[in-house]
Every structure is written in structure tokens, then in C-alpha cells.
């Protein structure tokens, strides 16, 4: 089976574990501080991979700058805001609904800015994907005391979705060429440019060094920052932006299953039904249009 066929499933599986890691890592370090450690390790490892493999770096200053800027949006602002918001008390369920906004934002922005034409089926798929996320997690949100949810943190979580949408479009528009390993290295440099000052200003830089922290850090770097992100960059370059972004719809339901297995969180009927709706939506969004005469 080719990488093109395996990449979407591998990306979703790896990326979904980020929710579990975020919950686990928060026990041993402040959110942004942990991300600084994660990004720093990713820069070093990606750089070593590039040196060993003899990867050619971008030749122009513009290409280097584009890679850094895209990393500031895709990793620094997006993940930084999401992790910070969850640390401030935004429920994971509500954050999952907000995350479901991203493919819709990207699909609309791609049509307006990149010129990607969406078919009726793809539009329906995007809507179904968001509906599936809402079905899966909305009952849990309604059961919460709304007064306990910090609205400013919710606003930051929504802004994070706008940032990853901008980063995805920017990546598609300005980073069409170049080795993905070199691009990823520069993107994590961009992530550090955003995350280090934020951690210094907003946190106490708490880190409880130990085996548990290093385990969370190892998986975050190798499994997510290197594995999942490399696959995402591959998918963005290989296919339409809206199709790659629609895969994000599969992440919250899968993360809920992982949380049930890892932390004993209860799986509900709405979660199961919502997952089915999500799968249908992703299928419609990623289905290749039928060309008459073939």
C-alpha cells in the first residue's frame, strides 16, 4: 500500500494522540513551557535529519521567511493558544467543537483565496463533519455549568482555529517547493519565536523533571511534531487544502476513544453517532469527483 493511501489514516491516528498527551503532560509542566521543550527538540532532531540526509535548504530568503511564518501560525499560535485555553479551564469537549470549525474555515478560505472549487458533495461533507462533532460533544457541554467556562479563553481557542486556517492556506500558497524536512525545521523555529516569549510572560515555567515528562515529550516530538506534522505537510502539498483539513474532523472522536481507554472517560451514544456522521462527512469531502466519459 502506497504512502498516499496510508498517509491520511496515519496522520489522524498520530494527531489525535495530541489530546491525550496534552492532558497527561499538563501534570508535569505548564502548557506553553512544555511546548517550548517540544519545539526545541523537534528543531534539533529535524536539523540532524536534514544534515544526515543531505537535504537542500531553501535558497532564497523569501522561501526561508515563508517557512518560518507558516510555522508561527501552524504551530506557535495554533497549538499555543489551544493548550493555553485548555490550561485556563476550557473543557476538552468544547475545545473539540471549536476545532471542528477549522475545516469549514479552511474550505471557505481555500475557495476564496486559493481558487479551490468545492463541489456540492464536498460542501455537504464539510457541514456533516461539523454536525458530527457537535453531536458527539455538545451534550457534554450542555451539562456543564456555563458560568465556570472562562469566555476569554474560549475566544482564544476560536482565534487558534483562525490561525491554523491562515497557516494552512499560507503553506499551500507560498510553500509549493522545497524539501519538507527542511521546511518543517524552519517551521518549528517560527513556532519557538512565538511560544518562548508567551511562556515567559504567561507562565511560571514549571517543569517536573522525571520519566513521565520525558515519555510525554518523546511521543510529542517523535510521534506528533515529526511524524504527524510531516504527514500533514505531505497531504497539504499533495492534495487540496480543504480535503486535508477535513481530516481534522476525525480527530476529536478518535481522541475521545483514546481518552476512554487511557483515562477511563465515558463513551456516550452521541459520541458514537457523531463519529459515524463525521466519517460520512470526511468521505464526501475527500471523494474524487466522477468525470463523465471515464
C-alpha atoms as a PDB file:
ATOM      1  CA  UNK A   1       0.000   0.000   0.000  1.00  0.00           C
ATOM      2  CA  UNK A   2       1.417   3.405  -1.007  1.00  0.00           C
ATOM      3  CA  UNK A   3       2.109   6.330   1.311  1.00  0.00           C
ATOM      4  CA  UNK A   4      -0.637   8.265  -0.448  1.00  0.00           C
ATOM      5  CA  UNK A   5      -3.201   5.741   0.776  1.00  0.00           C
ATOM      6  CA  UNK A   6      -1.768   5.300   4.262  1.00  0.00           C
ATOM      7  CA  UNK A   7      -0.940   8.951   4.991  1.00  0.00           C
ATOM      8  CA  UNK A   8      -4.475  10.165   5.895  1.00  0.00           C
ATOM      9  CA  UNK A   9      -5.126   7.334   8.365  1.00  0.00           C
ATOM     10  CA  UNK A  10      -1.661   7.604   9.919  1.00  0.00           C
ATOM     11  CA  UNK A  11      -1.998  11.366  10.264  1.00  0.00           C
ATOM     12  CA  UNK A  12      -5.370  11.139  12.018  1.00  0.00           C
ATOM     13  CA  UNK A  13      -4.137   8.413  14.384  1.00  0.00           C
ATOM     14  CA  UNK A  14      -0.959  10.283  15.348  1.00  0.00           C
ATOM     15  CA  UNK A  15      -2.545  13.731  15.552  1.00  0.00           C
ATOM     16  CA  UNK A  16      -5.421  12.501  17.724  1.00  0.00           C
ATOM     17  CA  UNK A  17      -2.992  11.420  20.425  1.00  0.00           C
ATOM     18  CA  UNK A  18      -2.136  15.074  20.959  1.00  0.00           C
ATOM     19  CA  UNK A  19      -5.292  15.485  23.047  1.00  0.00           C
ATOM     20  CA  UNK A  20      -4.225  12.657  25.355  1.00  0.00           C
ATOM     21  CA  UNK A  21      -0.664  13.984  25.561  1.00  0.00           C
ATOM     22  CA  UNK A  22      -1.931  17.488  26.359  1.00  0.00           C
ATOM     23  CA  UNK A  23      -3.921  16.150  29.303  1.00  0.00           C
ATOM     24  CA  UNK A  24      -1.067  13.957  30.502  1.00  0.00           C
ATOM     25  CA  UNK A  25       1.746  16.468  30.019  1.00  0.00           C
ATOM     26  CA  UNK A  26      -0.154  19.125  31.963  1.00  0.00           C
ATOM     27  CA  UNK A  27       0.523  17.104  35.101  1.00  0.00           C
ATOM     28  CA  UNK A  28       4.259  17.668  34.781  1.00  0.00           C
ATOM     29  CA  UNK A  29       4.745  21.075  33.109  1.00  0.00           C
ATOM     30  CA  UNK A  30       2.989  24.313  32.244  1.00  0.00           C
ATOM     31  CA  UNK A  31       1.397  24.044  28.763  1.00  0.00           C
ATOM     32  CA  UNK A  32       3.464  26.640  26.894  1.00  0.00           C
ATOM     33  CA  UNK A  33       6.631  25.619  28.712  1.00  0.00           C
ATOM     34  CA  UNK A  34       6.108  22.035  27.590  1.00  0.00           C
ATOM     35  CA  UNK A  35       5.567  23.232  24.018  1.00  0.00           C
ATOM     36  CA  UNK A  36       8.878  25.136  24.158  1.00  0.00           C
ATOM     37  CA  UNK A  37      10.648  21.895  25.121  1.00  0.00           C
ATOM     38  CA  UNK A  38       8.773  20.033  22.400  1.00  0.00           C
ATOM     39  CA  UNK A  39       9.543  22.528  19.647  1.00  0.00           C
ATOM     40  CA  UNK A  40      13.183  22.842  20.676  1.00  0.00           C
ATOM     41  CA  UNK A  41      13.663  19.078  20.492  1.00  0.00           C
ATOM     42  CA  UNK A  42      11.857  18.981  17.141  1.00  0.00           C
ATOM     43  CA  UNK A  43      14.156  21.665  15.683  1.00  0.00           C
ATOM     44  CA  UNK A  44      17.277  19.771  16.772  1.00  0.00           C
ATOM     45  CA  UNK A  45      16.061  16.389  15.513  1.00  0.00           C
ATOM     46  CA  UNK A  46      14.761  17.709  12.183  1.00  0.00           C
ATOM     47  CA  UNK A  47      18.040  19.584  11.677  1.00  0.00           C
ATOM     48  CA  UNK A  48      20.044  16.413  12.326  1.00  0.00           C
ATOM     49  CA  UNK A  49      17.840  14.500   9.888  1.00  0.00           C
ATOM     50  CA  UNK A  50      18.425  17.182   7.259  1.00  0.00           C
ATOM     51  CA  UNK A  51      22.205  17.119   7.782  1.00  0.00           C
ATOM     52  CA  UNK A  52      22.434  13.315   7.680  1.00  0.00           C
ATOM     53  CA  UNK A  53      20.218  13.076   4.605  1.00  0.00           C
ATOM     54  CA  UNK A  54      21.966  15.955   2.835  1.00  0.00           C
ATOM     55  CA  UNK A  55      18.750  17.890   2.465  1.00  0.00           C
ATOM     56  CA  UNK A  56      18.937  21.065   0.392  1.00  0.00           C
ATOM     57  CA  UNK A  57      17.808  24.145   2.324  1.00  0.00           C
ATOM     58  CA  UNK A  58      15.684  26.870   0.719  1.00  0.00           C
ATOM     59  CA  UNK A  59      17.952  29.074  -1.389  1.00  0.00           C
ATOM     60  CA  UNK A  60      16.094  32.359  -1.129  1.00  0.00           C
ATOM     61  CA  UNK A  61      15.420  34.493   1.917  1.00  0.00           C
ATOM     62  CA  UNK A  62      11.791  34.682   0.874  1.00  0.00           C
ATOM     63  CA  UNK A  63      11.403  30.883   0.978  1.00  0.00           C
ATOM     64  CA  UNK A  64      13.013  30.730   4.430  1.00  0.00           C
ATOM     65  CA  UNK A  65      10.767  33.523   5.676  1.00  0.00           C
ATOM     66  CA  UNK A  66       7.644  31.828   4.275  1.00  0.00           C
ATOM     67  CA  UNK A  67       8.513  28.608   6.115  1.00  0.00           C
ATOM     68  CA  UNK A  68       9.089  30.451   9.397  1.00  0.00           C
ATOM     69  CA  UNK A  69       5.871  32.462   9.103  1.00  0.00           C
ATOM     70  CA  UNK A  70       3.793  29.372   8.327  1.00  0.00           C
ATOM     71  CA  UNK A  71       5.278  27.690  11.418  1.00  0.00           C
ATOM     72  CA  UNK A  72       4.352  30.669  13.557  1.00  0.00           C
ATOM     73  CA  UNK A  73       0.711  30.161  12.577  1.00  0.00           C
ATOM     74  CA  UNK A  74       0.525  26.354  12.287  1.00  0.00           C
ATOM     75  CA  UNK A  75       2.399  25.515  15.496  1.00  0.00           C
ATOM     76  CA  UNK A  76       3.226  28.582  17.567  1.00  0.00           C
ATOM     77  CA  UNK A  77      -0.126  30.367  17.544  1.00  0.00           C
ATOM     78  CA  UNK A  78      -2.457  27.434  16.921  1.00  0.00           C
ATOM     79  CA  UNK A  79      -1.179  24.865  19.424  1.00  0.00           C
ATOM     80  CA  UNK A  80      -0.030  27.523  21.859  1.00  0.00           C
ATOM     81  CA  UNK A  81      -3.493  29.067  22.042  1.00  0.00           C
ATOM     82  CA  UNK A  82      -5.296  25.720  22.270  1.00  0.00           C
ATOM     83  CA  UNK A  83      -3.043  24.363  25.032  1.00  0.00           C
ATOM     84  CA  UNK A  84      -3.198  27.654  26.945  1.00  0.00           C
ATOM     85  CA  UNK A  85      -7.006  27.797  26.670  1.00  0.00           C
ATOM     86  CA  UNK A  86      -7.374  24.237  27.974  1.00  0.00           C
ATOM     87  CA  UNK A  87      -4.991  25.102  30.804  1.00  0.00           C
ATOM     88  CA  UNK A  88      -7.241  28.059  31.653  1.00  0.00           C
ATOM     89  CA  UNK A  89     -10.258  25.782  32.032  1.00  0.00           C
ATOM     90  CA  UNK A  90     -11.828  25.391  28.597  1.00  0.00           C
ATOM     91  CA  UNK A  91     -13.365  21.878  28.610  1.00  0.00           C
ATOM     92  CA  UNK A  92     -11.920  19.411  26.131  1.00  0.00           C
ATOM     93  CA  UNK A  93     -15.429  18.825  24.754  1.00  0.00           C
ATOM     94  CA  UNK A  94     -15.927  22.496  23.975  1.00  0.00           C
ATOM     95  CA  UNK A  95     -12.445  22.715  22.508  1.00  0.00           C
ATOM     96  CA  UNK A  96     -13.374  19.790  20.260  1.00  0.00           C
ATOM     97  CA  UNK A  97     -16.388  21.663  18.889  1.00  0.00           C
ATOM     98  CA  UNK A  98     -14.239  24.715  18.235  1.00  0.00           C
ATOM     99  CA  UNK A  99     -11.667  22.539  16.470  1.00  0.00           C
ATOM    100  CA  UNK A 100     -14.476  21.401  14.189  1.00  0.00           C
ATOM    101  CA  UNK A 101     -14.725  24.956  12.880  1.00  0.00           C
ATOM    102  CA  UNK A 102     -11.278  24.757  11.280  1.00  0.00           C
ATOM    103  CA  UNK A 103     -12.100  22.611   8.219  1.00  0.00           C
ATOM    104  CA  UNK A 104     -15.092  24.834   7.476  1.00  0.00           C
ATOM    105  CA  UNK A 105     -12.903  27.927   7.749  1.00  0.00           C
ATOM    106  CA  UNK A 106     -10.245  26.347   5.553  1.00  0.00           C
ATOM    107  CA  UNK A 107     -12.732  25.150   2.941  1.00  0.00           C
ATOM    108  CA  UNK A 108     -14.238  28.614   2.616  1.00  0.00           C
ATOM    109  CA  UNK A 109     -10.872  30.382   2.675  1.00  0.00           C
ATOM    110  CA  UNK A 110      -9.399  27.967   0.113  1.00  0.00           C
ATOM    111  CA  UNK A 111     -12.271  28.691  -2.270  1.00  0.00           C
ATOM    112  CA  UNK A 112     -11.845  32.445  -1.865  1.00  0.00           C
ATOM    113  CA  UNK A 113      -8.052  32.787  -1.696  1.00  0.00           C
ATOM    114  CA  UNK A 114      -6.542  29.776  -3.471  1.00  0.00           C
ATOM    115  CA  UNK A 115      -9.305  29.226  -6.004  1.00  0.00           C
ATOM    116  CA  UNK A 116     -10.175  25.659  -4.996  1.00  0.00           C
ATOM    117  CA  UNK A 117     -13.642  24.849  -6.301  1.00  0.00           C
ATOM    118  CA  UNK A 118     -15.819  22.871  -3.884  1.00  0.00           C
ATOM    119  CA  UNK A 119     -18.453  20.552  -5.282  1.00  0.00           C
ATOM    120  CA  UNK A 120     -21.884  20.240  -3.724  1.00  0.00           C
ATOM    121  CA  UNK A 121     -20.875  16.927  -2.186  1.00  0.00           C
ATOM    122  CA  UNK A 122     -17.750  18.438  -0.637  1.00  0.00           C
ATOM    123  CA  UNK A 123     -19.739  21.291   0.851  1.00  0.00           C
ATOM    124  CA  UNK A 124     -22.200  18.810   2.289  1.00  0.00           C
ATOM    125  CA  UNK A 125     -19.290  16.800   3.665  1.00  0.00           C
ATOM    126  CA  UNK A 126     -17.843  19.842   5.446  1.00  0.00           C
ATOM    127  CA  UNK A 127     -21.205  20.624   7.032  1.00  0.00           C
ATOM    128  CA  UNK A 128     -21.762  16.999   8.072  1.00  0.00           C
ATOM    129  CA  UNK A 129     -18.296  16.895   9.606  1.00  0.00           C
ATOM    130  CA  UNK A 130     -19.054  19.874  11.821  1.00  0.00           C
ATOM    131  CA  UNK A 131     -22.501  18.466  12.663  1.00  0.00           C
ATOM    132  CA  UNK A 132     -20.896  15.184  13.697  1.00  0.00           C
ATOM    133  CA  UNK A 133     -18.515  16.986  16.055  1.00  0.00           C
ATOM    134  CA  UNK A 134     -21.451  18.890  17.569  1.00  0.00           C
ATOM    135  CA  UNK A 135     -23.473  15.693  18.061  1.00  0.00           C
ATOM    136  CA  UNK A 136     -20.512  13.984  19.702  1.00  0.00           C
ATOM    137  CA  UNK A 137     -19.598  16.603  22.270  1.00  0.00           C
ATOM    138  CA  UNK A 138     -22.479  19.101  22.616  1.00  0.00           C
ATOM    139  CA  UNK A 139     -24.379  17.029  25.238  1.00  0.00           C
ATOM    140  CA  UNK A 140     -21.311  17.155  27.486  1.00  0.00           C
ATOM    141  CA  UNK A 141     -21.008  20.914  27.041  1.00  0.00           C
ATOM    142  CA  UNK A 142     -24.689  21.486  27.875  1.00  0.00           C
ATOM    143  CA  UNK A 143     -24.196  19.504  31.073  1.00  0.00           C
ATOM    144  CA  UNK A 144     -21.507  21.917  32.249  1.00  0.00           C
ATOM    145  CA  UNK A 145     -22.015  24.990  34.371  1.00  0.00           C
ATOM    146  CA  UNK A 146     -21.580  27.664  31.711  1.00  0.00           C
ATOM    147  CA  UNK A 147     -20.570  30.189  34.344  1.00  0.00           C
ATOM    148  CA  UNK A 148     -17.433  28.192  35.075  1.00  0.00           C
ATOM    149  CA  UNK A 149     -16.139  28.429  31.493  1.00  0.00           C
ATOM    150  CA  UNK A 150     -13.771  31.397  31.005  1.00  0.00           C
ATOM    151  CA  UNK A 151     -15.078  33.261  27.969  1.00  0.00           C
ATOM    152  CA  UNK A 152     -11.749  34.946  27.243  1.00  0.00           C
ATOM    153  CA  UNK A 153     -10.106  31.511  26.972  1.00  0.00           C
ATOM    154  CA  UNK A 154     -12.898  30.331  24.659  1.00  0.00           C
ATOM    155  CA  UNK A 155     -12.240  33.351  22.457  1.00  0.00           C
ATOM    156  CA  UNK A 156      -8.540  32.447  22.345  1.00  0.00           C
ATOM    157  CA  UNK A 157      -9.484  28.881  21.348  1.00  0.00           C
ATOM    158  CA  UNK A 158     -11.599  30.215  18.465  1.00  0.00           C
ATOM    159  CA  UNK A 159      -8.764  32.520  17.400  1.00  0.00           C
ATOM    160  CA  UNK A 160      -6.475  29.472  17.337  1.00  0.00           C
ATOM    161  CA  UNK A 161      -8.685  27.895  14.670  1.00  0.00           C
ATOM    162  CA  UNK A 162      -8.388  31.050  12.578  1.00  0.00           C
ATOM    163  CA  UNK A 163      -4.599  30.896  12.960  1.00  0.00           C
ATOM    164  CA  UNK A 164      -4.301  27.292  11.770  1.00  0.00           C
ATOM    165  CA  UNK A 165      -6.581  28.152   8.838  1.00  0.00           C
ATOM    166  CA  UNK A 166      -4.299  31.049   7.867  1.00  0.00           C
ATOM    167  CA  UNK A 167      -1.256  28.794   8.266  1.00  0.00           C
ATOM    168  CA  UNK A 168      -2.743  26.064   6.090  1.00  0.00           C
ATOM    169  CA  UNK A 169      -3.631  28.499   3.291  1.00  0.00           C
ATOM    170  CA  UNK A 170      -0.252  30.214   3.599  1.00  0.00           C
ATOM    171  CA  UNK A 171       1.507  26.842   3.362  1.00  0.00           C
ATOM    172  CA  UNK A 172      -0.415  25.932   0.226  1.00  0.00           C
ATOM    173  CA  UNK A 173       0.163  29.291  -1.441  1.00  0.00           C
ATOM    174  CA  UNK A 174       3.806  30.046  -0.675  1.00  0.00           C
ATOM    175  CA  UNK A 175       5.498  26.698   0.058  1.00  0.00           C
ATOM    176  CA  UNK A 176       4.898  24.692  -3.086  1.00  0.00           C
ATOM    177  CA  UNK A 177       8.516  23.582  -3.422  1.00  0.00           C
ATOM    178  CA  UNK A 178      11.423  22.562  -1.227  1.00  0.00           C
ATOM    179  CA  UNK A 179      12.223  19.542   0.910  1.00  0.00           C
ATOM    180  CA  UNK A 180       9.522  19.020   3.543  1.00  0.00           C
ATOM    181  CA  UNK A 181      12.112  18.152   6.203  1.00  0.00           C
ATOM    182  CA  UNK A 182      13.855  21.495   5.768  1.00  0.00           C
ATOM    183  CA  UNK A 183      10.501  23.283   5.741  1.00  0.00           C
ATOM    184  CA  UNK A 184       9.457  21.538   8.971  1.00  0.00           C
ATOM    185  CA  UNK A 185      12.720  22.536  10.684  1.00  0.00           C
ATOM    186  CA  UNK A 186      12.187  26.184   9.830  1.00  0.00           C
ATOM    187  CA  UNK A 187       8.535  25.998  10.844  1.00  0.00           C
ATOM    188  CA  UNK A 188       9.469  24.897  14.340  1.00  0.00           C
ATOM    189  CA  UNK A 189      11.903  27.807  14.523  1.00  0.00           C
ATOM    190  CA  UNK A 190       8.902  30.001  13.777  1.00  0.00           C
ATOM    191  CA  UNK A 191       6.928  28.208  16.481  1.00  0.00           C
ATOM    192  CA  UNK A 192       9.630  28.976  19.036  1.00  0.00           C
ATOM    193  CA  UNK A 193       9.650  32.654  18.046  1.00  0.00           C
ATOM    194  CA  UNK A 194       6.022  32.805  19.199  1.00  0.00           C
ATOM    195  CA  UNK A 195       5.992  30.323  22.086  1.00  0.00           C
ATOM    196  CA  UNK A 196       9.106  31.313  24.044  1.00  0.00           C
ATOM    197  CA  UNK A 197       8.005  34.925  24.736  1.00  0.00           C
ATOM    198  CA  UNK A 198       4.459  33.732  25.513  1.00  0.00           C
ATOM    199  CA  UNK A 199       5.735  31.197  28.049  1.00  0.00           C
ATOM    200  CA  UNK A 200       7.983  33.794  29.700  1.00  0.00           C
ATOM    201  CA  UNK A 201       5.119  36.268  30.057  1.00  0.00           C
ATOM    202  CA  UNK A 202       2.199  33.972  30.898  1.00  0.00           C
ATOM    203  CA  UNK A 203       3.694  31.103  32.908  1.00  0.00           C
ATOM    204  CA  UNK A 204       5.989  30.269  35.804  1.00  0.00           C
ATOM    205  CA  UNK A 205       7.960  27.842  33.586  1.00  0.00           C
ATOM    206  CA  UNK A 206       7.038  24.903  35.825  1.00  0.00           C
ATOM    207  CA  UNK A 207       8.688  21.624  34.833  1.00  0.00           C
ATOM    208  CA  UNK A 208       8.663  18.489  36.982  1.00  0.00           C
ATOM    209  CA  UNK A 209      11.535  16.516  35.507  1.00  0.00           C
ATOM    210  CA  UNK A 210      11.042  12.768  35.520  1.00  0.00           C
ATOM    211  CA  UNK A 211      10.376   9.671  33.450  1.00  0.00           C
ATOM    212  CA  UNK A 212       6.748  10.639  32.855  1.00  0.00           C
ATOM    213  CA  UNK A 213       7.692  14.039  31.454  1.00  0.00           C
ATOM    214  CA  UNK A 214      10.319  12.566  29.133  1.00  0.00           C
ATOM    215  CA  UNK A 215       7.842   9.919  27.933  1.00  0.00           C
ATOM    216  CA  UNK A 216       5.265  12.583  27.062  1.00  0.00           C
ATOM    217  CA  UNK A 217       7.952  14.707  25.437  1.00  0.00           C
ATOM    218  CA  UNK A 218       9.319  11.797  23.396  1.00  0.00           C
ATOM    219  CA  UNK A 219       5.912  10.938  21.962  1.00  0.00           C
ATOM    220  CA  UNK A 220       5.043  14.595  21.363  1.00  0.00           C
ATOM    221  CA  UNK A 221       8.240  15.135  19.386  1.00  0.00           C
ATOM    222  CA  UNK A 222       8.658  11.839  17.533  1.00  0.00           C
ATOM    223  CA  UNK A 223       5.038  10.850  17.071  1.00  0.00           C
ATOM    224  CA  UNK A 224       3.328  14.218  16.628  1.00  0.00           C
ATOM    225  CA  UNK A 225       5.789  17.029  15.890  1.00  0.00           C
ATOM    226  CA  UNK A 226       7.813  14.891  13.465  1.00  0.00           C
ATOM    227  CA  UNK A 227       5.521  12.074  12.341  1.00  0.00           C
ATOM    228  CA  UNK A 228       2.072  13.680  12.201  1.00  0.00           C
ATOM    229  CA  UNK A 229       3.245  17.113  11.044  1.00  0.00           C
ATOM    230  CA  UNK A 230       5.380  15.627   8.262  1.00  0.00           C
ATOM    231  CA  UNK A 231       2.309  13.731   7.070  1.00  0.00           C
ATOM    232  CA  UNK A 232       0.170  16.882   7.247  1.00  0.00           C
ATOM    233  CA  UNK A 233       2.679  18.838   5.156  1.00  0.00           C
ATOM    234  CA  UNK A 234       2.722  15.955   2.685  1.00  0.00           C
ATOM    235  CA  UNK A 235      -1.086  15.931   2.470  1.00  0.00           C
ATOM    236  CA  UNK A 236      -1.309  19.712   2.030  1.00  0.00           C
ATOM    237  CA  UNK A 237       1.226  19.657  -0.800  1.00  0.00           C
ATOM    238  CA  UNK A 238      -0.236  16.531  -2.442  1.00  0.00           C
ATOM    239  CA  UNK A 239      -3.921  17.401  -2.388  1.00  0.00           C
ATOM    240  CA  UNK A 240      -6.472  20.154  -1.954  1.00  0.00           C
ATOM    241  CA  UNK A 241      -6.269  22.232   1.197  1.00  0.00           C
ATOM    242  CA  UNK A 242      -9.930  21.655   2.082  1.00  0.00           C
ATOM    243  CA  UNK A 243      -9.557  17.873   1.758  1.00  0.00           C
ATOM    244  CA  UNK A 244      -6.511  17.757   4.003  1.00  0.00           C
ATOM    245  CA  UNK A 245      -8.191  19.982   6.582  1.00  0.00           C
ATOM    246  CA  UNK A 246     -11.343  17.836   6.610  1.00  0.00           C
ATOM    247  CA  UNK A 247      -9.314  15.020   8.174  1.00  0.00           C
ATOM    248  CA  UNK A 248      -9.237  17.121  11.370  1.00  0.00           C
ATOM    249  CA  UNK A 249     -12.907  16.179  11.805  1.00  0.00           C
ATOM    250  CA  UNK A 250     -11.854  12.622  12.639  1.00  0.00           C
ATOM    251  CA  UNK A 251      -9.514  13.682  15.431  1.00  0.00           C
ATOM    252  CA  UNK A 252     -11.881  14.607  18.325  1.00  0.00           C
ATOM    253  CA  UNK A 253     -13.979  11.391  18.126  1.00  0.00           C
ATOM    254  CA  UNK A 254     -10.830   9.275  17.951  1.00  0.00           C
ATOM    255  CA  UNK A 255      -9.291  11.246  20.803  1.00  0.00           C
ATOM    256  CA  UNK A 256     -12.424  10.576  22.867  1.00  0.00           C
ATOM    257  CA  UNK A 257     -11.944   6.850  22.324  1.00  0.00           C
ATOM    258  CA  UNK A 258      -8.280   7.114  23.326  1.00  0.00           C
ATOM    259  CA  UNK A 259      -9.209   9.093  26.433  1.00  0.00           C
ATOM    260  CA  UNK A 260     -11.711   6.388  27.372  1.00  0.00           C
ATOM    261  CA  UNK A 261      -9.004   3.750  27.089  1.00  0.00           C
ATOM    262  CA  UNK A 262      -6.258   5.777  28.790  1.00  0.00           C
ATOM    263  CA  UNK A 263      -8.154   7.707  31.472  1.00  0.00           C
ATOM    264  CA  UNK A 264     -11.455   5.842  31.780  1.00  0.00           C
ATOM    265  CA  UNK A 265     -13.539   8.683  30.329  1.00  0.00           C
ATOM    266  CA  UNK A 266     -17.037   7.510  29.419  1.00  0.00           C
ATOM    267  CA  UNK A 267     -18.042   6.999  25.780  1.00  0.00           C
ATOM    268  CA  UNK A 268     -21.634   8.080  25.123  1.00  0.00           C
ATOM    269  CA  UNK A 269     -24.156   7.229  22.421  1.00  0.00           C
ATOM    270  CA  UNK A 270     -23.934  10.782  20.964  1.00  0.00           C
ATOM    271  CA  UNK A 271     -20.174  10.320  20.630  1.00  0.00           C
ATOM    272  CA  UNK A 272     -20.656   7.104  18.660  1.00  0.00           C
ATOM    273  CA  UNK A 273     -23.393   8.595  16.446  1.00  0.00           C
ATOM    274  CA  UNK A 274     -21.359  11.751  15.915  1.00  0.00           C
ATOM    275  CA  UNK A 275     -18.352   9.707  14.869  1.00  0.00           C
ATOM    276  CA  UNK A 276     -20.411   7.937  12.191  1.00  0.00           C
ATOM    277  CA  UNK A 277     -21.637  11.298  10.854  1.00  0.00           C
ATOM    278  CA  UNK A 278     -18.049  12.598  10.855  1.00  0.00           C
ATOM    279  CA  UNK A 279     -16.810   9.617   8.841  1.00  0.00           C
ATOM    280  CA  UNK A 280     -19.533  10.192   6.237  1.00  0.00           C
ATOM    281  CA  UNK A 281     -18.651  13.882   6.051  1.00  0.00           C
ATOM    282  CA  UNK A 282     -14.944  13.187   5.574  1.00  0.00           C
ATOM    283  CA  UNK A 283     -15.735  10.610   2.880  1.00  0.00           C
ATOM    284  CA  UNK A 284     -17.850  13.106   0.935  1.00  0.00           C
ATOM    285  CA  UNK A 285     -15.222  15.840   1.244  1.00  0.00           C
ATOM    286  CA  UNK A 286     -12.355  13.606   0.104  1.00  0.00           C
ATOM    287  CA  UNK A 287     -14.235  11.655  -2.576  1.00  0.00           C
ATOM    288  CA  UNK A 288     -12.865  12.253  -6.044  1.00  0.00           C
ATOM    289  CA  UNK A 289     -15.447  13.750  -8.411  1.00  0.00           C
ATOM    290  CA  UNK A 290     -16.731  11.439 -11.104  1.00  0.00           C
ATOM    291  CA  UNK A 291     -15.663  12.602 -14.546  1.00  0.00           C
ATOM    292  CA  UNK A 292     -18.131  11.845 -17.297  1.00  0.00           C
ATOM    293  CA  UNK A 293     -16.759   9.672 -20.020  1.00  0.00           C
ATOM    294  CA  UNK A 294     -14.319   7.767 -17.752  1.00  0.00           C
END
